[in-house]
């Protein structure tokens, strides 16, 4: 009962469009690209995304999927958390993340919100709390790279696709797999899902073609 009463209020929440956040995300992608001395074509070549898609992302006219952001983070040589919005609740700490200080990333087109649970800066791993709307997903394509991923379902259900096989996970279930296994995820239910997601930060080779 105690666990249910704690989780229930968040189960009814849905992810709403944050236009200011969308604009900030686009500006962050553009600034990181320029800082790396890369053209839009360079980033397109490294990620396998079209130049038109990258241009639209930078102008907040298209919203990325989780997979697209991972490709961009690899191409720009930054952790995916660099795209997160910093909290204004106080000065961040080097080793500790207070709940009020979590950095936030809203992927409204994908129905996903990611809250960073690790401090800012590069490290060997990152972990997040993911909130997925009904129908929310990592995108329509499988993804693979070096490293490892693991997670725990806090509430709701997560359908985890590993090597083209679907696994429906419920609250209390957990997982771990090599990131070289083609993977994607979605929430096929009518309830909001919450997941702890852990990933190592090894870099992947650029996609072929």
Foldseek 3Di string as FASTA:
>chain_A
DVLCVVCVVVFPDFADDDQVLQQLLLCLLVVLCVVLVHDLVQLCQQAVNDSVVNVCSNRSNDFAFLSSLLSSCLSSVHPSCSSFAFAPPDDDDDFAADPNGWTWHDRPVQRKIWTWGGDDDDDFKTKTKMKGAAFHKRDDFWAAFFWKKKKAWQAAWKWKAWLNDTDIDHHGDMDMDGRRTTIMMTHNDRIMTIMMMMITDDHGGGDDD
